[in-house]
Structures are given as C-alpha cells and as structure tokens.
C-alpha cells in the first residue's frame, strides 16, 4: 500500500472536521515526504465514506461511552469501521475490544478530543 492507513485516516479525520481537501493536502506536506493530491484525498472520502459509521460519545457520562461503543460494534457489519469522537482514551474499553477481536487506532488531537477508528 502506497499510503499508510494512518495517513488515510488523518486525511479523513481532517476532512470530516470541515477542512477542505486542498487544506488537508497542505497539512500533509508538513508530515509526509510523499504527499498526495487533493483529488486523491477526495477519492478516499468517496471510497471510505460508505464504510465508516461515526458516533460522538464526548458528552456522555461514564460508563455510557463504553456501553454505546460496544452496542454500536455489535450492530455493525464486519466491513464497516466505527469512527468515534471521544473526550479521552477509553482505557477500560481497549481490553474489551481486544477480547472481541477488534483492532483500533487512537489519535489524541488535544485535551478532550480523542479520535478512535475501530475495525475487525
């Protein structure tokens, strides 16, 4: 794969935050030596949009974020990714995910803003 899953995920995250594909491309130039075009970023958005379910659990009180995420995963087909907006790294969720055979990527954007991508 020419572009890493982390790079693609970062692009999708920035795009879904309302940043244009051209601005995402400019952002990538600071972090990745082999940059992609804004057209490639748009193609990723189109390609992966139907494969991503997004939920926001930042405003839920504990333990509802974990409960909500696990319920969503139970309903989710295996070829769909769960993109979670969370306020912190869910330390108690991670062993549950591992036990159920899930993989995940976590990016701490800033305090109170954590992104998770959960998949089989």
PDB file of N, CA and C in Angstrom:
ATOM      1  N   UNK A   1       0.857  -1.179   0.000  1.00  0.00           N
ATOM      2  CA  UNK A   1       0.000   0.000   0.000  1.00  0.00           C
ATOM      3  C   UNK A   1       0.899   1.235   0.000  1.00  0.00           C
ATOM      4  N   UNK A   2       0.668   2.109  -0.938  1.00  0.00           N
ATOM      5  CA  UNK A   2       1.489   3.299  -1.071  1.00  0.00           C
ATOM      6  C   UNK A   2       1.268   4.294   0.053  1.00  0.00           C
ATOM      7  N   UNK A   3       0.066   4.379   0.516  1.00  0.00           N
ATOM      8  CA  UNK A   3      -0.269   5.300   1.604  1.00  0.00           C
ATOM      9  C   UNK A   3      -0.706   4.492   2.816  1.00  0.00           C
ATOM     10  N   UNK A   4      -0.164   4.845   3.955  1.00  0.00           N
ATOM     11  CA  UNK A   4      -0.453   4.088   5.176  1.00  0.00           C
ATOM     12  C   UNK A   4      -1.892   4.333   5.637  1.00  0.00           C
ATOM     13  N   UNK A   5      -2.447   3.365   6.370  1.00  0.00           N
ATOM     14  CA  UNK A   5      -3.782   3.576   6.940  1.00  0.00           C
ATOM     15  C   UNK A   5      -3.838   4.807   7.838  1.00  0.00           C
ATOM     16  N   UNK A   6      -2.742   5.079   8.556  1.00  0.00           N
ATOM     17  CA  UNK A   6      -2.707   6.250   9.435  1.00  0.00           C
ATOM     18  C   UNK A   6      -2.825   7.544   8.617  1.00  0.00           C
ATOM     19  N   UNK A   7      -2.152   7.592   7.490  1.00  0.00           N
ATOM     20  CA  UNK A   7      -2.200   8.778   6.632  1.00  0.00           C
ATOM     21  C   UNK A   7      -3.613   8.980   6.082  1.00  0.00           C
ATOM     22  N   UNK A   8      -4.210   7.906   5.616  1.00  0.00           N
ATOM     23  CA  UNK A   8      -5.573   7.995   5.078  1.00  0.00           C
ATOM     24  C   UNK A   8      -6.542   8.397   6.182  1.00  0.00           C
ATOM     25  N   UNK A   9      -6.384   7.800   7.362  1.00  0.00           N
ATOM     26  CA  UNK A   9      -7.264   8.130   8.490  1.00  0.00           C
ATOM     27  C   UNK A   9      -7.131   9.595   8.876  1.00  0.00           C
ATOM     28  N   UNK A  10      -5.895  10.094   8.912  1.00  0.00           N
ATOM     29  CA  UNK A  10      -5.670  11.509   9.239  1.00  0.00           C
ATOM     30  C   UNK A  10      -6.380  12.406   8.226  1.00  0.00           C
ATOM     31  N   UNK A  11      -6.286  12.048   6.952  1.00  0.00           N
ATOM     32  CA  UNK A  11      -6.950  12.839   5.913  1.00  0.00           C
ATOM     33  C   UNK A  11      -8.466  12.835   6.091  1.00  0.00           C
ATOM     34  N   UNK A  12      -9.023  11.666   6.331  1.00  0.00           N
ATOM     35  CA  UNK A  12     -10.471  11.575   6.526  1.00  0.00           C
ATOM     36  C   UNK A  12     -10.910  12.359   7.748  1.00  0.00           C
ATOM     37  N   UNK A  13     -10.140  12.262   8.825  1.00  0.00           N
ATOM     38  CA  UNK A  13     -10.473  12.993  10.042  1.00  0.00           C
ATOM     39  C   UNK A  13     -10.493  14.489   9.772  1.00  0.00           C
ATOM     40  N   UNK A  14      -9.469  14.992   9.124  1.00  0.00           N
ATOM     41  CA  UNK A  14      -9.410  16.431   8.834  1.00  0.00           C
ATOM     42  C   UNK A  14     -10.558  16.853   7.930  1.00  0.00           C
ATOM     43  N   UNK A  15     -10.842  16.048   6.925  1.00  0.00           N
ATOM     44  CA  UNK A  15     -11.939  16.376   6.011  1.00  0.00           C
ATOM     45  C   UNK A  15     -13.273  16.429   6.758  1.00  0.00           C
ATOM     46  N   UNK A  16     -13.529  15.439   7.629  1.00  0.00           N
ATOM     47  CA  UNK A  16     -14.798  15.400   8.354  1.00  0.00           C
ATOM     48  C   UNK A  16     -14.903  16.487   9.415  1.00  0.00           C
ATOM     49  N   UNK A  17     -13.806  17.134   9.723  1.00  0.00           N
ATOM     50  CA  UNK A  17     -13.847  18.288  10.617  1.00  0.00           C
ATOM     51  C   UNK A  17     -14.177  19.570   9.862  1.00  0.00           C
ATOM     52  N   UNK A  18     -14.328  19.461   8.548  1.00  0.00           N
ATOM     53  CA  UNK A  18     -14.710  20.630   7.758  1.00  0.00           C
ATOM     54  C   UNK A  18     -13.559  21.296   7.034  1.00  0.00           C
ATOM     55  N   UNK A  19     -12.412  20.643   6.998  1.00  0.00           N
ATOM     56  CA  UNK A  19     -11.254  21.210   6.316  1.00  0.00           C
ATOM     57  C   UNK A  19     -11.280  20.762   4.858  1.00  0.00           C
ATOM     58  N   UNK A  20     -11.041  21.679   3.949  1.00  0.00           N
ATOM     59  CA  UNK A  20     -11.089  21.357   2.519  1.00  0.00           C
ATOM     60  C   UNK A  20      -9.977  20.380   2.141  1.00  0.00           C
ATOM     61  N   UNK A  21     -10.175  19.673   1.041  1.00  0.00           N
ATOM     62  CA  UNK A  21      -9.156  18.716   0.603  1.00  0.00           C
ATOM     63  C   UNK A  21      -7.848  19.422   0.262  1.00  0.00           C
ATOM     64  N   UNK A  22      -7.912  20.629  -0.252  1.00  0.00           N
ATOM     65  CA  UNK A  22      -6.673  21.384  -0.533  1.00  0.00           C
ATOM     66  C   UNK A  22      -5.925  21.731   0.758  1.00  0.00           C
ATOM     67  N   UNK A  23      -6.662  22.123   1.789  1.00  0.00           N
ATOM     68  CA  UNK A  23      -6.026  22.434   3.074  1.00  0.00           C
ATOM     69  C   UNK A  23      -5.462  21.163   3.729  1.00  0.00           C
ATOM     70  N   UNK A  24      -6.163  20.047   3.568  1.00  0.00           N
ATOM     71  CA  UNK A  24      -5.656  18.770   4.084  1.00  0.00           C
ATOM     72  C   UNK A  24      -4.336  18.438   3.383  1.00  0.00           C
ATOM     73  N   UNK A  25      -4.298  18.624   2.086  1.00  0.00           N
ATOM     74  CA  UNK A  25      -3.076  18.371   1.320  1.00  0.00           C
ATOM     75  C   UNK A  25      -1.931  19.242   1.834  1.00  0.00           C
ATOM     76  N   UNK A  26      -2.188  20.499   2.076  1.00  0.00           N
ATOM     77  CA  UNK A  26      -1.160  21.406   2.608  1.00  0.00           C
ATOM     78  C   UNK A  26      -0.672  20.924   3.978  1.00  0.00           C
ATOM     79  N   UNK A  27      -1.603  20.472   4.794  1.00  0.00           N
ATOM     80  CA  UNK A  27      -1.250  19.971   6.123  1.00  0.00           C
ATOM     81  C   UNK A  27      -0.320  18.762   6.016  1.00  0.00           C
ATOM     82  N   UNK A  28      -0.613  17.866   5.085  1.00  0.00           N
ATOM     83  CA  UNK A  28       0.188  16.655   4.928  1.00  0.00           C
ATOM     84  C   UNK A  28       1.638  16.949   4.564  1.00  0.00           C
ATOM     85  N   UNK A  29       1.848  18.025   3.844  1.00  0.00           N
ATOM     86  CA  UNK A  29       3.203  18.362   3.424  1.00  0.00           C
ATOM     87  C   UNK A  29       4.141  18.510   4.611  1.00  0.00           C
ATOM     88  N   UNK A  30       3.621  18.877   5.757  1.00  0.00           N
ATOM     89  CA  UNK A  30       4.456  19.045   6.951  1.00  0.00           C
ATOM     90  C   UNK A  30       4.866  17.714   7.581  1.00  0.00           C
ATOM     91  N   UNK A  31       4.126  16.649   7.295  1.00  0.00           N
ATOM     92  CA  UNK A  31       4.353  15.381   7.986  1.00  0.00           C
ATOM     93  C   UNK A  31       4.785  14.217   7.110  1.00  0.00           C
ATOM     94  N   UNK A  32       4.448  14.268   5.836  1.00  0.00           N
ATOM     95  CA  UNK A  32       4.711  13.134   4.964  1.00  0.00           C
ATOM     96  C   UNK A  32       5.536  13.566   3.757  1.00  0.00           C
ATOM     97  N   UNK A  33       6.655  12.876   3.512  1.00  0.00           N
ATOM     98  CA  UNK A  33       7.510  13.267   2.391  1.00  0.00           C
ATOM     99  C   UNK A  33       6.842  13.039   1.034  1.00  0.00           C
ATOM    100  N   UNK A  34       6.057  11.994   0.917  1.00  0.00           N
ATOM    101  CA  UNK A  34       5.365  11.709  -0.340  1.00  0.00           C
ATOM    102  C   UNK A  34       3.919  12.151  -0.189  1.00  0.00           C
ATOM    103  N   UNK A  35       3.670  13.363  -0.570  1.00  0.00           N
ATOM    104  CA  UNK A  35       2.350  13.955  -0.394  1.00  0.00           C
ATOM    105  C   UNK A  35       1.376  13.388  -1.428  1.00  0.00           C
ATOM    106  N   UNK A  36       0.103  13.582  -1.185  1.00  0.00           N
ATOM    107  CA  UNK A  36      -0.933  13.162  -2.116  1.00  0.00           C
ATOM    108  C   UNK A  36      -1.659  14.406  -2.617  1.00  0.00           C
ATOM    109  N   UNK A  37      -2.352  14.244  -3.718  1.00  0.00           N
ATOM    110  CA  UNK A  37      -3.101  15.367  -4.276  1.00  0.00           C
ATOM    111  C   UNK A  37      -4.435  15.520  -3.572  1.00  0.00           C
ATOM    112  N   UNK A  38      -5.019  16.693  -3.696  1.00  0.00           N
ATOM    113  CA  UNK A  38      -6.340  16.907  -3.110  1.00  0.00           C
ATOM    114  C   UNK A  38      -7.372  16.003  -3.786  1.00  0.00           C
ATOM    115  N   UNK A  39      -7.132  15.636  -5.040  1.00  0.00           N
ATOM    116  CA  UNK A  39      -8.042  14.728  -5.752  1.00  0.00           C
ATOM    117  C   UNK A  39      -7.990  13.334  -5.113  1.00  0.00           C
ATOM    118  N   UNK A  40      -6.789  12.879  -4.755  1.00  0.00           N
ATOM    119  CA  UNK A  40      -6.665  11.575  -4.090  1.00  0.00           C
ATOM    120  C   UNK A  40      -7.397  11.576  -2.750  1.00  0.00           C
ATOM    121  N   UNK A  41      -7.266  12.657  -2.025  1.00  0.00           N
ATOM    122  CA  UNK A  41      -7.952  12.772  -0.736  1.00  0.00           C
ATOM    123  C   UNK A  41      -9.459  12.689  -0.945  1.00  0.00           C
ATOM    124  N   UNK A  42      -9.960  13.393  -1.939  1.00  0.00           N
ATOM    125  CA  UNK A  42     -11.391  13.352  -2.228  1.00  0.00           C
ATOM    126  C   UNK A  42     -11.820  11.929  -2.605  1.00  0.00           C
ATOM    127  N   UNK A  43     -11.004  11.236  -3.358  1.00  0.00           N
ATOM    128  CA  UNK A  43     -11.332   9.855  -3.737  1.00  0.00           C
ATOM    129  C   UNK A  43     -11.379   8.948  -2.510  1.00  0.00           C
ATOM    130  N   UNK A  44     -10.490   9.191  -1.543  1.00  0.00           N
ATOM    131  CA  UNK A  44     -10.551   8.420  -0.302  1.00  0.00           C
ATOM    132  C   UNK A  44     -11.849   8.687   0.435  1.00  0.00           C
ATOM    133  N   UNK A  45     -12.250   9.944   0.477  1.00  0.00           N
ATOM    134  CA  UNK A  45     -13.505  10.298   1.152  1.00  0.00           C
ATOM    135  C   UNK A  45     -14.661   9.548   0.509  1.00  0.00           C
ATOM    136  N   UNK A  46     -14.721   9.556  -0.810  1.00  0.00           N
ATOM    137  CA  UNK A  46     -15.790   8.855  -1.520  1.00  0.00           C
ATOM    138  C   UNK A  46     -15.705   7.347  -1.271  1.00  0.00           C
ATOM    139  N   UNK A  47     -14.504   6.805  -1.371  1.00  0.00           N
ATOM    140  CA  UNK A  47     -14.301   5.356  -1.224  1.00  0.00           C
ATOM    141  C   UNK A  47     -14.676   4.855   0.162  1.00  0.00           C
ATOM    142  N   UNK A  48     -14.255   5.580   1.196  1.00  0.00           N
ATOM    143  CA  UNK A  48     -14.419   5.081   2.553  1.00  0.00           C
ATOM    144  C   UNK A  48     -15.665   5.599   3.274  1.00  0.00           C
ATOM    145  N   UNK A  49     -16.320   6.592   2.731  1.00  0.00           N
ATOM    146  CA  UNK A  49     -17.481   7.179   3.413  1.00  0.00           C
ATOM    147  C   UNK A  49     -18.567   6.145   3.689  1.00  0.00           C
ATOM    148  N   UNK A  50     -18.801   5.275   2.743  1.00  0.00           N
ATOM    149  CA  UNK A  50     -19.863   4.279   2.942  1.00  0.00           C
ATOM    150  C   UNK A  50     -19.415   3.145   3.859  1.00  0.00           C
ATOM    151  N   UNK A  51     -18.135   3.111   4.194  1.00  0.00           N
ATOM    152  CA  UNK A  51     -17.610   2.061   5.066  1.00  0.00           C
ATOM    153  C   UNK A  51     -17.333   2.545   6.477  1.00  0.00           C
ATOM    154  N   UNK A  52     -17.774   3.749   6.792  1.00  0.00           N
ATOM    155  CA  UNK A  52     -17.495   4.312   8.113  1.00  0.00           C
ATOM    156  C   UNK A  52     -18.793   4.725   8.789  1.00  0.00           C
ATOM    157  N   UNK A  53     -18.963   4.266   9.998  1.00  0.00           N
ATOM    158  CA  UNK A  53     -20.073   4.718  10.857  1.00  0.00           C
ATOM    159  C   UNK A  53     -19.442   5.620  11.901  1.00  0.00           C
ATOM    160  N   UNK A  54     -19.995   6.796  12.091  1.00  0.00           N
ATOM    161  CA  UNK A  54     -19.426   7.776  13.009  1.00  0.00           C
ATOM    162  C   UNK A  54     -20.360   7.994  14.194  1.00  0.00           C
ATOM    163  N   UNK A  55     -19.772   8.006  15.402  1.00  0.00           N
ATOM    164  CA  UNK A  55     -20.547   8.323  16.601  1.00  0.00           C
ATOM    165  C   UNK A  55     -19.744   9.298  17.464  1.00  0.00           C
ATOM    166  N   UNK A  56     -20.452  10.052  18.273  1.00  0.00           N
ATOM    167  CA  UNK A  56     -19.833  11.024  19.175  1.00  0.00           C
ATOM    168  C   UNK A  56     -20.289  10.711  20.592  1.00  0.00           C
ATOM    169  N   UNK A  57     -19.342  10.336  21.443  1.00  0.00           N
ATOM    170  CA  UNK A  57     -19.681   9.981  22.825  1.00  0.00           C
ATOM    171  C   UNK A  57     -19.085  10.965  23.828  1.00  0.00           C
ATOM    172  N   UNK A  58     -18.602  12.096  23.341  1.00  0.00           N
ATOM    173  CA  UNK A  58     -17.918  13.067  24.212  1.00  0.00           C
ATOM    174  C   UNK A  58     -18.807  13.608  25.321  1.00  0.00           C
ATOM    175  N   UNK A  59     -20.096  13.756  25.075  1.00  0.00           N
ATOM    176  CA  UNK A  59     -20.982  14.364  26.068  1.00  0.00           C
ATOM    177  C   UNK A  59     -21.657  13.351  26.990  1.00  0.00           C
ATOM    178  N   UNK A  60     -21.346  12.081  26.808  1.00  0.00           N
ATOM    179  CA  UNK A  60     -21.970  11.045  27.637  1.00  0.00           C
ATOM    180  C   UNK A  60     -21.188  10.857  28.936  1.00  0.00           C
ATOM    181  N   UNK A  61     -21.922  10.589  30.012  1.00  0.00           N
ATOM    182  CA  UNK A  61     -21.301  10.310  31.311  1.00  0.00           C
ATOM    183  C   UNK A  61     -20.884   8.843  31.365  1.00  0.00           C
ATOM    184  N   UNK A  62     -19.833   8.569  32.110  1.00  0.00           N
ATOM    185  CA  UNK A  62     -19.347   7.196  32.275  1.00  0.00           C
ATOM    186  C   UNK A  62     -20.420   6.351  32.941  1.00  0.00           C
ATOM    187  N   UNK A  63     -20.627   5.132  32.558  1.00  0.00           N
ATOM    188  CA  UNK A  63     -19.920   4.319  31.588  1.00  0.00           C
ATOM    189  C   UNK A  63     -20.568   4.331  30.199  1.00  0.00           C
ATOM    190  N   UNK A  64     -21.440   5.282  29.925  1.00  0.00           N
ATOM    191  CA  UNK A  64     -22.180   5.283  28.660  1.00  0.00           C
ATOM    192  C   UNK A  64     -21.309   5.325  27.401  1.00  0.00           C
ATOM    193  N   UNK A  65     -20.164   6.014  27.381  1.00  0.00           N
ATOM    194  CA  UNK A  65     -19.351   5.949  26.160  1.00  0.00           C
ATOM    195  C   UNK A  65     -18.954   4.513  25.796  1.00  0.00           C
ATOM    196  N   UNK A  66     -18.484   3.754  26.773  1.00  0.00           N
ATOM    197  CA  UNK A  66     -18.076   2.374  26.515  1.00  0.00           C
ATOM    198  C   UNK A  66     -19.267   1.515  26.108  1.00  0.00           C
ATOM    199  N   UNK A  67     -20.365   1.656  26.817  1.00  0.00           N
ATOM    200  CA  UNK A  67     -21.577   0.890  26.508  1.00  0.00           C
ATOM    201  C   UNK A  67     -22.065   1.217  25.098  1.00  0.00           C
ATOM    202  N   UNK A  68     -22.077   2.488  24.741  1.00  0.00           N
ATOM    203  CA  UNK A  68     -22.542   2.918  23.420  1.00  0.00           C
ATOM    204  C   UNK A  68     -21.644   2.364  22.321  1.00  0.00           C
ATOM    205  N   UNK A  69     -20.348   2.436  22.528  1.00  0.00           N
ATOM    206  CA  UNK A  69     -19.408   1.935  21.522  1.00  0.00           C
ATOM    207  C   UNK A  69     -19.584   0.427  21.331  1.00  0.00           C
ATOM    208  N   UNK A  70     -19.676  -0.326  22.413  1.00  0.00           N
ATOM    209  CA  UNK A  70     -19.835  -1.778  22.303  1.00  0.00           C
ATOM    210  C   UNK A  70     -21.159  -2.156  21.642  1.00  0.00           C
ATOM    211  N   UNK A  71     -22.219  -1.426  21.942  1.00  0.00           N
ATOM    212  CA  UNK A  71     -23.516  -1.694  21.288  1.00  0.00           C
ATOM    213  C   UNK A  71     -23.442  -1.424  19.790  1.00  0.00           C
ATOM    214  N   UNK A  72     -22.793  -0.316  19.432  1.00  0.00           N
ATOM    215  CA  UNK A  72     -22.646   0.010  18.004  1.00  0.00           C
ATOM    216  C   UNK A  72     -21.846  -1.062  17.282  1.00  0.00           C
ATOM    217  N   UNK A  73     -20.800  -1.551  17.925  1.00  0.00           N
ATOM    218  CA  UNK A  73     -19.980  -2.589  17.300  1.00  0.00           C
ATOM    219  C   UNK A  73     -20.750  -3.890  17.111  1.00  0.00           C
ATOM    220  N   UNK A  74     -21.634  -4.210  18.048  1.00  0.00           N
ATOM    221  CA  UNK A  74     -22.445  -5.421  17.924  1.00  0.00           C
ATOM    222  C   UNK A  74     -23.344  -5.357  16.695  1.00  0.00           C
ATOM    223  N   UNK A  75     -23.845  -4.171  16.367  1.00  0.00           N
ATOM    224  CA  UNK A  75     -24.765  -3.999  15.232  1.00  0.00           C
ATOM    225  C   UNK A  75     -24.033  -3.823  13.902  1.00  0.00           C
ATOM    226  N   UNK A  76     -22.755  -3.517  13.958  1.00  0.00           N
ATOM    227  CA  UNK A  76     -22.009  -3.124  12.776  1.00  0.00           C
ATOM    228  C   UNK A  76     -21.546  -4.327  11.961  1.00  0.00           C
ATOM    229  N   UNK A  77     -21.775  -4.308  10.643  1.00  0.00           N
ATOM    230  CA  UNK A  77     -21.195  -5.367   9.801  1.00  0.00           C
ATOM    231  C   UNK A  77     -19.662  -5.315   9.880  1.00  0.00           C
ATOM    232  N   UNK A  78     -19.005  -6.449   9.655  1.00  0.00           N
ATOM    233  CA  UNK A  78     -17.556  -6.522   9.831  1.00  0.00           C
ATOM    234  C   UNK A  78     -16.772  -5.643   8.857  1.00  0.00           C
ATOM    235  N   UNK A  79     -17.357  -5.305   7.721  1.00  0.00           N
ATOM    236  CA  UNK A  79     -16.614  -4.500   6.743  1.00  0.00           C
ATOM    237  C   UNK A  79     -16.788  -2.995   6.966  1.00  0.00           C
ATOM    238  N   UNK A  80     -17.464  -2.619   8.043  1.00  0.00           N
ATOM    239  CA  UNK A  80     -17.680  -1.205   8.366  1.00  0.00           C
ATOM    240  C   UNK A  80     -16.799  -0.829   9.551  1.00  0.00           C
ATOM    241  N   UNK A  81     -16.176   0.328   9.474  1.00  0.00           N
ATOM    242  CA  UNK A  81     -15.337   0.852  10.553  1.00  0.00           C
ATOM    243  C   UNK A  81     -16.173   1.748  11.453  1.00  0.00           C
ATOM    244  N   UNK A  82     -15.842   1.785  12.709  1.00  0.00           N
ATOM    245  CA  UNK A  82     -16.505   2.696  13.637  1.00  0.00           C
ATOM    246  C   UNK A  82     -15.541   3.827  13.980  1.00  0.00           C
ATOM    247  N   UNK A  83     -15.945   5.038  13.659  1.00  0.00           N
ATOM    248  CA  UNK A  83     -15.159   6.247  13.927  1.00  0.00           C
ATOM    249  C   UNK A  83     -15.793   6.924  15.130  1.00  0.00           C
ATOM    250  N   UNK A  84     -15.035   7.044  16.218  1.00  0.00           N
ATOM    251  CA  UNK A  84     -15.581   7.524  17.485  1.00  0.00           C
ATOM    252  C   UNK A  84     -14.919   8.845  17.885  1.00  0.00           C
ATOM    253  N   UNK A  85     -15.742   9.829  18.188  1.00  0.00           N
ATOM    254  CA  UNK A  85     -15.284  11.070  18.807  1.00  0.00           C
ATOM    255  C   UNK A  85     -15.443  10.886  20.309  1.00  0.00           C
ATOM    256  N   UNK A  86     -14.331  10.956  21.021  1.00  0.00           N
ATOM    257  CA  UNK A  86     -14.327  10.703  22.462  1.00  0.00           C
ATOM    258  C   UNK A  86     -13.586  11.841  23.158  1.00  0.00           C
ATOM    259  N   UNK A  87     -13.791  11.972  24.463  1.00  0.00           N
ATOM    260  CA  UNK A  87     -13.100  13.044  25.177  1.00  0.00           C
ATOM    261  C   UNK A  87     -11.795  12.582  25.830  1.00  0.00           C
ATOM    262  N   UNK A  88     -11.583  11.255  25.884  1.00  0.00           N
ATOM    263  CA  UNK A  88     -10.334  10.738  26.438  1.00  0.00           C
ATOM    264  C   UNK A  88     -10.087   9.340  25.888  1.00  0.00           C
ATOM    265  N   UNK A  89      -8.871   8.857  26.071  1.00  0.00           N
ATOM    266  CA  UNK A  89      -8.563   7.490  25.651  1.00  0.00           C
ATOM    267  C   UNK A  89      -9.339   6.538  26.567  1.00  0.00           C
ATOM    268  N   UNK A  90     -10.173   5.686  26.006  1.00  0.00           N
ATOM    269  CA  UNK A  90     -11.026   4.803  26.814  1.00  0.00           C
ATOM    270  C   UNK A  90     -10.259   3.565  27.289  1.00  0.00           C
ATOM    271  N   UNK A  91      -9.506   3.719  28.355  1.00  0.00           N
ATOM    272  CA  UNK A  91      -8.618   2.665  28.855  1.00  0.00           C
ATOM    273  C   UNK A  91      -9.350   1.350  29.157  1.00  0.00           C
ATOM    274  N   UNK A  92     -10.557   1.419  29.682  1.00  0.00           N
ATOM    275  CA  UNK A  92     -11.287   0.200  30.025  1.00  0.00           C
ATOM    276  C   UNK A  92     -11.915  -0.463  28.808  1.00  0.00           C
ATOM    277  N   UNK A  93     -12.095   0.279  27.746  1.00  0.00           N
ATOM    278  CA  UNK A  93     -12.664  -0.273  26.513  1.00  0.00           C
ATOM    279  C   UNK A  93     -11.651  -1.119  25.752  1.00  0.00           C
ATOM    280  N   UNK A  94     -10.405  -0.733  25.779  1.00  0.00           N
ATOM    281  CA  UNK A  94      -9.391  -1.386  24.949  1.00  0.00           C
ATOM    282  C   UNK A  94      -9.253  -2.890  25.207  1.00  0.00           C
ATOM    283  N   UNK A  95      -9.222  -3.353  26.473  1.00  0.00           N
ATOM    284  CA  UNK A  95      -9.184  -4.811  26.690  1.00  0.00           C
ATOM    285  C   UNK A  95     -10.439  -5.516  26.158  1.00  0.00           C
ATOM    286  N   UNK A  96     -11.581  -4.861  26.266  1.00  0.00           N
ATOM    287  CA  UNK A  96     -12.830  -5.428  25.727  1.00  0.00           C
ATOM    288  C   UNK A  96     -12.739  -5.583  24.215  1.00  0.00           C
ATOM    289  N   UNK A  97     -12.203  -4.564  23.554  1.00  0.00           N
ATOM    290  CA  UNK A  97     -12.049  -4.623  22.097  1.00  0.00           C
ATOM    291  C   UNK A  97     -11.111  -5.757  21.708  1.00  0.00           C
ATOM    292  N   UNK A  98     -10.003  -5.857  22.419  1.00  0.00           N
ATOM    293  CA  UNK A  98      -9.033  -6.907  22.116  1.00  0.00           C
ATOM    294  C   UNK A  98      -9.653  -8.288  22.301  1.00  0.00           C
ATOM    295  N   UNK A  99     -10.387  -8.450  23.391  1.00  0.00           N
ATOM    296  CA  UNK A  99     -11.038  -9.734  23.673  1.00  0.00           C
ATOM    297  C   UNK A  99     -12.038 -10.109  22.578  1.00  0.00           C
ATOM    298  N   UNK A 100     -12.671  -9.121  21.973  1.00  0.00           N
ATOM    299  CA  UNK A 100     -13.682  -9.367  20.936  1.00  0.00           C
ATOM    300  C   UNK A 100     -13.094  -9.399  19.527  1.00  0.00           C
ATOM    301  N   UNK A 101     -11.783  -9.274  19.441  1.00  0.00           N
ATOM    302  CA  UNK A 101     -11.125  -9.413  18.143  1.00  0.00           C
ATOM    303  C   UNK A 101     -11.054  -8.152  17.310  1.00  0.00           C
ATOM    304  N   UNK A 102     -11.224  -6.999  17.935  1.00  0.00           N
ATOM    305  CA  UNK A 102     -11.157  -5.737  17.202  1.00  0.00           C
ATOM    306  C   UNK A 102      -9.747  -5.162  17.246  1.00  0.00           C
ATOM    307  N   UNK A 103      -9.454  -4.347  16.247  1.00  0.00           N
ATOM    308  CA  UNK A 103      -8.227  -3.553  16.204  1.00  0.00           C
ATOM    309  C   UNK A 103      -8.667  -2.098  16.264  1.00  0.00           C
ATOM    310  N   UNK A 104      -7.739  -1.223  16.627  1.00  0.00           N
ATOM    311  CA  UNK A 104      -8.111   0.186  16.735  1.00  0.00           C
ATOM    312  C   UNK A 104      -6.907   1.071  16.500  1.00  0.00           C
ATOM    313  N   UNK A 105      -7.214   2.288  16.157  1.00  0.00           N
ATOM    314  CA  UNK A 105      -6.215   3.346  16.059  1.00  0.00           C
ATOM    315  C   UNK A 105      -6.746   4.501  16.894  1.00  0.00           C
ATOM    316  N   UNK A 106      -5.861   5.129  17.648  1.00  0.00           N
ATOM    317  CA  UNK A 106      -6.260   6.245  18.511  1.00  0.00           C
ATOM    318  C   UNK A 106      -5.383   7.441  18.196  1.00  0.00           C
ATOM    319  N   UNK A 107      -6.013   8.583  18.105  1.00  0.00           N
ATOM    320  CA  UNK A 107      -5.265   9.824  17.923  1.00  0.00           C
ATOM    321  C   UNK A 107      -5.794  10.838  18.926  1.00  0.00           C
ATOM    322  N   UNK A 108      -4.898  11.284  19.807  1.00  0.00           N
ATOM    323  CA  UNK A 108      -5.248  12.333  20.759  1.00  0.00           C
ATOM    324  C   UNK A 108      -4.966  13.672  20.079  1.00  0.00           C
ATOM    325  N   UNK A 109      -6.019  14.361  19.695  1.00  0.00           N
ATOM    326  CA  UNK A 109      -5.877  15.623  18.987  1.00  0.00           C
ATOM    327  C   UNK A 109      -5.458  16.721  19.957  1.00  0.00           C
ATOM    328  N   UNK A 110      -6.178  16.796  21.053  1.00  0.00           N
ATOM    329  CA  UNK A 110      -5.894  17.753  22.119  1.00  0.00           C
ATOM    330  C   UNK A 110      -6.658  17.282  23.343  1.00  0.00           C
ATOM    331  N   UNK A 111      -6.488  17.948  24.444  1.00  0.00           N
ATOM    332  CA  UNK A 111      -7.206  17.551  25.648  1.00  0.00           C
ATOM    333  C   UNK A 111      -8.712  17.633  25.398  1.00  0.00           C
ATOM    334  N   UNK A 112      -9.409  16.535  25.688  1.00  0.00           N
ATOM    335  CA  UNK A 112     -10.858  16.495  25.497  1.00  0.00           C
ATOM    336  C   UNK A 112     -11.284  16.158  24.079  1.00  0.00           C
ATOM    337  N   UNK A 113     -10.336  15.792  23.204  1.00  0.00           N
ATOM    338  CA  UNK A 113     -10.654  15.477  21.814  1.00  0.00           C
ATOM    339  C   UNK A 113      -9.790  14.312  21.352  1.00  0.00           C
ATOM    340  N   UNK A 114     -10.375  13.120  21.406  1.00  0.00           N
ATOM    341  CA  UNK A 114      -9.694  11.895  21.011  1.00  0.00           C
ATOM    342  C   UNK A 114     -10.511  11.232  19.911  1.00  0.00           C
ATOM    343  N   UNK A 115      -9.826  10.739  18.894  1.00  0.00           N
ATOM    344  CA  UNK A 115     -10.469  10.036  17.787  1.00  0.00           C
ATOM    345  C   UNK A 115     -10.057   8.581  17.821  1.00  0.00           C
ATOM    346  N   UNK A 116     -11.023   7.697  17.637  1.00  0.00           N
ATOM    347  CA  UNK A 116     -10.768   6.272  17.556  1.00  0.00           C
ATOM    348  C   UNK A 116     -11.326   5.743  16.247  1.00  0.00           C
ATOM    349  N   UNK A 117     -10.599   4.859  15.650  1.00  0.00           N
ATOM    350  CA  UNK A 117     -11.080   4.126  14.490  1.00  0.00           C
ATOM    351  C   UNK A 117     -11.002   2.657  14.874  1.00  0.00           C
ATOM    352  N   UNK A 118     -12.164   1.996  14.945  1.00  0.00           N
ATOM    353  CA  UNK A 118     -12.244   0.627  15.422  1.00  0.00           C
ATOM    354  C   UNK A 118     -12.703  -0.251  14.259  1.00  0.00           C
ATOM    355  N   UNK A 119     -12.029  -1.395  14.078  1.00  0.00           N
ATOM    356  CA  UNK A 119     -12.334  -2.266  12.948  1.00  0.00           C
ATOM    357  C   UNK A 119     -11.967  -3.708  13.273  1.00  0.00           C
ATOM    358  N   UNK A 120     -12.488  -4.644  12.479  1.00  0.00           N
ATOM    359  CA  UNK A 120     -12.170  -6.071  12.642  1.00  0.00           C
ATOM    360  C   UNK A 120     -10.980  -6.414  11.780  1.00  0.00           C
TER     361      UNK A 120
END
